[in-house]
């Protein structure tokens, strides 16, 4: 289409976009969580959904679409209508999968098929073992693993998840050979180490801290730069003998590519306002999580940088993680 009709169509689109944002949302919004119920992404999505519902007066309904290391839910979100009524709660799983999985395995390209909205929060991880493991410290666990290469296992919630990548990075940094056992979701992986089906797991502090407190697992180290306020007696990995090892899980919201920019901007403003609420800051701080506030453009840059970061990490592995 060219000429006057093109000009009129363009003008109509430019007028319609702000009007759409002004009326948005006029019906319930779906937040797809490509991870299992009860994990950090699921819990955070429900918290954010409740706050957005308070802000906009429309329900924000969480739907778990698990499987394939987050791929199934991500593909569903990417293929949804780009109207702002389907959102994706994602994590560094998606940025890691850009290099860990082939395009054919992913069936999507993150920065092509989805549009950044806003980050939400991050939390440190904690390295835990079943109490029967004869290692009281991280150094002792590393020595144990080196004495029997390939004999110890560690759990994750699936290939490409932050827990899997943190495990592979730990193996490479510590120079040990432990076998990855992927579960369908973080809840099942957590049950695996609590039930002594596997010896070790790296999990979010927010999720695993209660199990540490109940002595269902033994915490060997946390993965942040400084000690966790939730587990202050647990040393960081750096303090425990693995200098340079750091890992976190972060969460954010994206929408199908093509979602109108005014709608994206409206959601970004609402999320940034929500995560600064004193009650939310207090809640997350008590759980070992911290808010992340960025503009749409800043989050776009952050995502692209994280993709490069994990691509560089994957290159350093002796073999592609399994």
Protein backbone atom coordinates (compact mmCIF):
# COMPACT_ATOMS: atom_id res chain seq x y z
CA UNK A 1 0.00 0.00 0.00
CA UNK A 2 1.41 3.36 -1.02
CA UNK A 3 0.27 6.93 -1.44
CA UNK A 4 -2.56 8.61 0.47
CA UNK A 5 -4.02 5.34 1.75
CA UNK A 6 -0.69 4.40 3.35
CA UNK A 7 -0.45 7.80 5.02
CA UNK A 8 -3.99 7.48 6.35
CA UNK A 9 -3.34 3.95 7.64
CA UNK A 10 -0.13 5.04 9.36
CA UNK A 11 -1.88 8.00 10.95
CA UNK A 12 -4.68 5.75 12.17
CA UNK A 13 -2.17 3.36 13.73
CA UNK A 14 -0.35 6.17 15.48
CA UNK A 15 -3.62 7.46 16.89
CA UNK A 16 -4.84 4.00 17.89
CA UNK A 17 -1.72 3.01 19.86
CA UNK A 18 -2.05 5.64 22.64
CA UNK A 19 -5.80 4.96 22.79
CA UNK A 20 -5.11 1.25 23.24
CA UNK A 21 -2.70 1.97 26.07
CA UNK A 22 -5.20 4.30 27.72
CA UNK A 23 -7.88 1.59 27.76
CA UNK A 24 -5.47 -1.24 28.61
CA UNK A 25 -6.25 -3.58 30.21
CA UNK A 26 -9.97 -3.93 29.57
CA UNK A 27 -10.10 -7.67 30.30
CA UNK A 28 -8.08 -10.30 32.21
CA UNK A 29 -4.36 -10.67 31.42
CA UNK A 30 -2.59 -14.04 31.39
CA UNK A 31 0.93 -14.45 32.79
CA UNK A 32 2.54 -17.62 31.48
CA UNK A 33 5.06 -19.16 33.87
CA UNK A 34 7.15 -21.77 32.02
CA UNK A 35 8.24 -23.33 35.32
CA UNK A 36 6.59 -25.45 38.01
CA UNK A 37 4.21 -24.29 40.72
CA UNK A 38 5.79 -23.24 44.00
CA UNK A 39 9.14 -22.15 42.55
CA UNK A 40 10.49 -18.58 42.63
CA UNK A 41 9.09 -17.69 39.20
CA UNK A 42 5.62 -18.98 40.06
CA UNK A 43 5.51 -17.29 43.46
CA UNK A 44 6.82 -13.99 42.10
CA UNK A 45 4.44 -14.05 39.13
CA UNK A 46 1.50 -14.40 41.51
CA UNK A 47 2.78 -11.55 43.68
CA UNK A 48 3.28 -9.29 40.67
CA UNK A 49 -0.06 -10.37 39.23
CA UNK A 50 -1.86 -9.40 42.43
CA UNK A 51 -0.18 -5.99 42.47
CA UNK A 52 -0.96 -5.33 38.81
CA UNK A 53 -4.56 -6.34 39.43
CA UNK A 54 -4.71 -3.76 42.21
CA UNK A 55 -3.24 -1.15 39.89
CA UNK A 56 -5.38 -1.85 36.83
CA UNK A 57 -8.58 -3.35 38.22
CA UNK A 58 -8.34 -6.41 35.97
CA UNK A 59 -7.28 -9.95 36.91
CA UNK A 60 -3.72 -11.02 36.06
CA UNK A 61 -4.03 -14.80 35.94
CA UNK A 62 -0.97 -17.06 36.27
CA UNK A 63 -0.84 -20.18 34.12
CA UNK A 64 1.99 -22.70 34.50
CA UNK A 65 3.16 -24.18 31.19
CA UNK A 66 6.09 -26.37 32.15
CA UNK A 67 8.42 -28.61 30.23
CA UNK A 68 11.57 -28.74 28.11
CA UNK A 69 13.55 -26.44 30.40
CA UNK A 70 11.11 -23.57 29.99
CA UNK A 71 10.80 -23.93 26.21
CA UNK A 72 7.13 -25.01 26.09
CA UNK A 73 5.79 -22.01 27.98
CA UNK A 74 8.13 -19.60 26.22
CA UNK A 75 7.00 -20.80 22.78
CA UNK A 76 3.36 -20.45 23.80
CA UNK A 77 3.95 -16.87 24.92
CA UNK A 78 5.92 -16.01 21.77
CA UNK A 79 3.11 -17.28 19.54
CA UNK A 80 0.34 -15.47 21.43
CA UNK A 81 -1.39 -12.39 19.99
CA UNK A 82 0.78 -9.28 20.57
CA UNK A 83 -1.94 -7.32 22.35
CA UNK A 84 -0.67 -7.16 25.92
CA UNK A 85 -3.04 -9.82 27.21
CA UNK A 86 -0.42 -12.58 27.34
CA UNK A 87 2.80 -12.01 29.26
CA UNK A 88 5.76 -14.26 30.07
CA UNK A 89 7.46 -14.54 33.44
CA UNK A 90 11.00 -15.47 32.41
CA UNK A 91 14.41 -15.85 33.99
CA UNK A 92 18.03 -16.40 33.07
CA UNK A 93 16.84 -19.79 31.85
CA UNK A 94 15.75 -18.08 28.65
CA UNK A 95 18.99 -16.15 28.17
CA UNK A 96 21.07 -19.28 28.84
CA UNK A 97 18.99 -21.34 26.42
CA UNK A 98 19.98 -19.02 23.58
CA UNK A 99 23.42 -20.69 23.56
CA UNK A 100 22.69 -23.95 25.36
CA UNK A 101 19.98 -25.08 22.93
CA UNK A 102 19.92 -24.95 19.15
CA UNK A 103 17.33 -22.81 17.38
CA UNK A 104 15.52 -26.02 16.39
CA UNK A 105 15.38 -27.14 20.03
CA UNK A 106 14.20 -23.73 21.25
CA UNK A 107 11.70 -23.08 18.44
CA UNK A 108 12.02 -19.36 19.17
CA UNK A 109 14.60 -16.58 19.34
CA UNK A 110 14.28 -14.59 22.53
CA UNK A 111 15.04 -11.05 21.34
CA UNK A 112 13.25 -11.54 18.02
CA UNK A 113 10.06 -13.22 19.20
CA UNK A 114 9.52 -11.51 22.55
CA UNK A 115 9.63 -7.91 23.74
CA UNK A 116 11.17 -6.85 27.08
CA UNK A 117 8.85 -5.26 29.64
CA UNK A 118 10.71 -5.10 32.97
CA UNK A 119 12.89 -7.12 35.32
CA UNK A 120 11.31 -7.97 38.66
CA UNK A 121 13.76 -9.35 41.22
CA UNK A 122 16.83 -11.49 41.83
CA UNK A 123 18.05 -13.79 44.57
CA UNK A 124 21.24 -15.60 45.49
CA UNK A 125 21.43 -19.37 45.37
CA UNK A 126 22.51 -21.83 48.03
CA UNK A 127 24.51 -25.03 47.59
CA UNK A 128 22.99 -27.79 49.71
CA UNK A 129 23.59 -31.50 50.24
CA UNK A 130 21.57 -34.25 51.86
CA UNK A 131 22.54 -34.64 55.55
CA UNK A 132 23.87 -38.15 54.85
CA UNK A 133 26.62 -36.75 52.60
CA UNK A 134 29.91 -36.90 54.57
CA UNK A 135 30.86 -33.30 53.89
CA UNK A 136 30.33 -30.52 56.41
CA UNK A 137 31.89 -27.77 54.27
CA UNK A 138 32.10 -26.88 50.60
CA UNK A 139 35.81 -27.74 50.58
CA UNK A 140 35.04 -31.18 51.98
CA UNK A 141 32.35 -31.74 49.31
CA UNK A 142 34.78 -30.77 46.56
CA UNK A 143 37.37 -33.18 48.00
CA UNK A 144 34.74 -35.91 48.17
CA UNK A 145 33.69 -35.32 44.55
CA UNK A 146 37.30 -35.39 43.38
CA UNK A 147 37.88 -38.68 45.18
CA UNK A 148 35.04 -40.35 43.28
CA UNK A 149 34.53 -38.58 39.93
CA UNK A 150 31.17 -39.18 38.28
CA UNK A 151 29.74 -40.91 41.35
CA UNK A 152 27.88 -37.98 42.95
CA UNK A 153 24.76 -36.38 41.48
CA UNK A 154 23.19 -32.94 41.58
CA UNK A 155 19.58 -32.00 40.89
CA UNK A 156 18.14 -29.17 38.84
CA UNK A 157 14.70 -28.18 37.60
CA UNK A 158 15.70 -28.89 34.01
CA UNK A 159 18.29 -28.18 31.35
CA UNK A 160 19.10 -24.51 30.94
CA UNK A 161 17.54 -23.42 34.22
CA UNK A 162 19.58 -21.15 36.51
CA UNK A 163 20.12 -24.10 38.87
CA UNK A 164 21.51 -26.26 36.06
CA UNK A 165 23.78 -23.53 34.74
CA UNK A 166 24.93 -22.68 38.27
CA UNK A 167 25.75 -26.37 38.75
CA UNK A 168 27.75 -26.59 35.54
CA UNK A 169 29.58 -23.37 36.37
CA UNK A 170 30.35 -24.75 39.84
CA UNK A 171 31.71 -27.97 38.32
CA UNK A 172 33.95 -26.01 35.95
CA UNK A 173 35.15 -23.57 38.61
CA UNK A 174 35.79 -26.21 41.29
CA UNK A 175 37.20 -28.77 38.85
CA UNK A 176 34.87 -31.61 39.83
CA UNK A 177 32.82 -34.20 37.98
CA UNK A 178 29.30 -34.59 39.37
CA UNK A 179 26.39 -35.84 37.28
CA UNK A 180 23.45 -33.60 36.39
CA UNK A 181 20.00 -35.07 37.12
CA UNK A 182 17.29 -32.87 35.57
CA UNK A 183 13.82 -32.93 37.11
CA UNK A 184 10.64 -31.52 35.62
CA UNK A 185 10.49 -28.57 38.01
CA UNK A 186 12.24 -27.10 41.02
CA UNK A 187 9.79 -28.64 43.50
CA UNK A 188 10.60 -32.15 42.29
CA UNK A 189 14.32 -31.39 42.25
CA UNK A 190 14.11 -30.10 45.80
CA UNK A 191 12.28 -33.27 46.86
CA UNK A 192 15.02 -35.27 45.15
CA UNK A 193 17.79 -33.92 47.34
CA UNK A 194 15.63 -33.93 50.48
CA UNK A 195 14.76 -37.56 49.77
CA UNK A 196 18.42 -38.46 49.10
CA UNK A 197 17.75 -39.47 45.49
CA UNK A 198 20.56 -37.06 44.62
CA UNK A 199 23.33 -35.77 46.83
CA UNK A 200 23.48 -32.07 45.97
CA UNK A 201 21.44 -29.18 44.60
CA UNK A 202 21.93 -25.47 43.97
CA UNK A 203 18.62 -23.72 44.62
CA UNK A 204 17.26 -20.26 45.25
CA UNK A 205 17.75 -19.06 48.81
CA UNK A 206 14.12 -17.90 48.78
CA UNK A 207 12.94 -21.48 48.19
CA UNK A 208 15.49 -23.63 50.03
CA UNK A 209 16.01 -21.63 53.25
CA UNK A 210 13.06 -23.27 55.07
CA UNK A 211 14.45 -26.72 54.29
CA UNK A 212 17.84 -25.64 55.65
CA UNK A 213 16.17 -24.40 58.82
CA UNK A 214 14.39 -27.75 59.26
CA UNK A 215 17.69 -29.66 58.78
CA UNK A 216 16.29 -31.47 55.75
CA UNK A 217 19.42 -30.40 53.87
CA UNK A 218 22.83 -29.04 54.86
CA UNK A 219 23.82 -25.64 53.44
CA UNK A 220 27.46 -25.49 52.36
CA UNK A 221 27.64 -22.04 50.71
CA UNK A 222 25.65 -19.27 49.11
CA UNK A 223 26.50 -17.91 45.68
CA UNK A 224 26.39 -14.14 46.02
CA UNK A 225 29.16 -11.63 46.54
CA UNK A 226 28.19 -11.23 50.19
CA UNK A 227 26.46 -13.46 52.71
CA UNK A 228 22.69 -13.84 52.51
CA UNK A 229 20.70 -12.03 55.18
CA UNK A 230 18.45 -15.09 55.30
CA UNK A 231 21.37 -17.51 55.89
CA UNK A 232 23.95 -15.29 57.60
CA UNK A 233 25.87 -18.22 59.12
CA UNK A 234 26.45 -19.82 55.72
CA UNK A 235 29.64 -18.64 53.97
CA UNK A 236 29.73 -17.51 50.38
CA UNK A 237 31.33 -19.84 47.86
CA UNK A 238 34.26 -17.43 47.70
CA UNK A 239 34.73 -17.63 51.45
CA UNK A 240 34.32 -21.40 51.34
CA UNK A 241 37.17 -21.97 48.91
CA UNK A 242 35.82 -21.35 45.39
CA UNK A 243 36.92 -17.78 44.60
CA UNK A 244 35.22 -16.14 41.64
CA UNK A 245 32.15 -18.36 41.72
CA UNK A 246 28.93 -16.32 41.71
CA UNK A 247 25.45 -17.21 40.49
CA UNK A 248 21.94 -15.78 40.89
CA UNK A 249 18.45 -16.29 39.60
CA UNK A 250 16.64 -13.24 38.28
CA UNK A 251 13.09 -12.87 36.96
CA UNK A 252 11.46 -10.54 34.47
CA UNK A 253 8.43 -9.99 32.26
CA UNK A 254 8.27 -10.10 28.47
CA UNK A 255 5.46 -9.95 25.91
CA UNK A 256 5.04 -11.26 22.37
CA UNK A 257 7.03 -9.23 19.84
CA UNK A 258 4.84 -6.59 18.24
CA UNK A 259 2.99 -5.70 21.44
CA UNK A 260 2.29 -1.95 21.17
CA UNK A 261 5.00 0.18 22.76
CA UNK A 262 2.53 2.26 24.78
CA UNK A 263 1.23 -0.94 26.40
CA UNK A 264 4.79 -2.11 27.12
CA UNK A 265 5.60 1.27 28.67
CA UNK A 266 2.44 1.20 30.79
CA UNK A 267 3.30 -2.23 32.14
CA UNK A 268 6.91 -1.21 32.79
CA UNK A 269 5.78 1.78 34.86
CA UNK A 270 3.32 -0.36 36.83
CA UNK A 271 5.90 -3.08 37.58
CA UNK A 272 8.53 -0.54 38.66
CA UNK A 273 6.01 1.10 40.98
CA UNK A 274 4.93 -2.26 42.42
CA UNK A 275 8.41 -3.55 43.27
CA UNK A 276 9.20 -0.35 45.18
CA UNK A 277 6.25 -0.75 47.54
CA UNK A 278 7.57 -0.86 51.14
CA UNK A 279 5.63 -4.04 51.93
CA UNK A 280 7.10 -5.81 48.91
CA UNK A 281 10.64 -4.61 49.65
CA UNK A 282 10.28 -5.88 53.23
CA UNK A 283 8.81 -9.21 52.08
CA UNK A 284 11.49 -9.88 49.47
CA UNK A 285 14.33 -8.76 51.72
CA UNK A 286 13.15 -11.23 54.34
CA UNK A 287 13.15 -13.98 51.74
CA UNK A 288 16.59 -13.13 50.39
CA UNK A 289 15.45 -11.42 47.18
CA UNK A 290 16.08 -7.92 45.86
CA UNK A 291 14.05 -5.78 43.48
CA UNK A 292 15.36 -4.91 40.00
CA UNK A 293 14.14 -1.65 38.45
CA UNK A 294 14.90 -0.73 34.82
CA UNK A 295 13.38 1.08 31.88
CA UNK A 296 12.31 -0.99 28.89
CA UNK A 297 15.48 0.04 27.07
CA UNK A 298 17.70 -0.81 30.03
CA UNK A 299 16.09 -4.24 30.36
CA UNK A 300 16.60 -4.87 26.64
CA UNK A 301 20.31 -4.11 27.04
CA UNK A 302 20.48 -6.27 30.17
CA UNK A 303 18.94 -9.26 28.37
CA UNK A 304 21.30 -8.99 25.42
CA UNK A 305 24.26 -8.78 27.78
CA UNK A 306 23.08 -11.83 29.73
CA UNK A 307 22.78 -13.83 26.51
CA UNK A 308 26.42 -13.02 25.73
CA UNK A 309 27.46 -13.82 29.32
CA UNK A 310 25.99 -17.32 29.24
CA UNK A 311 27.29 -17.97 25.74
CA UNK A 312 30.79 -17.27 27.06
CA UNK A 313 30.19 -19.55 30.06
CA UNK A 314 28.96 -22.43 27.90
CA UNK A 315 32.09 -22.17 25.74
CA UNK A 316 34.23 -22.82 28.81
CA UNK A 317 32.57 -26.12 29.67
CA UNK A 318 34.62 -29.19 28.65
CA UNK A 319 31.44 -30.69 27.24
CA UNK A 320 28.05 -29.13 26.54
CA UNK A 321 25.96 -29.53 29.73
CA UNK A 322 23.60 -32.47 29.85
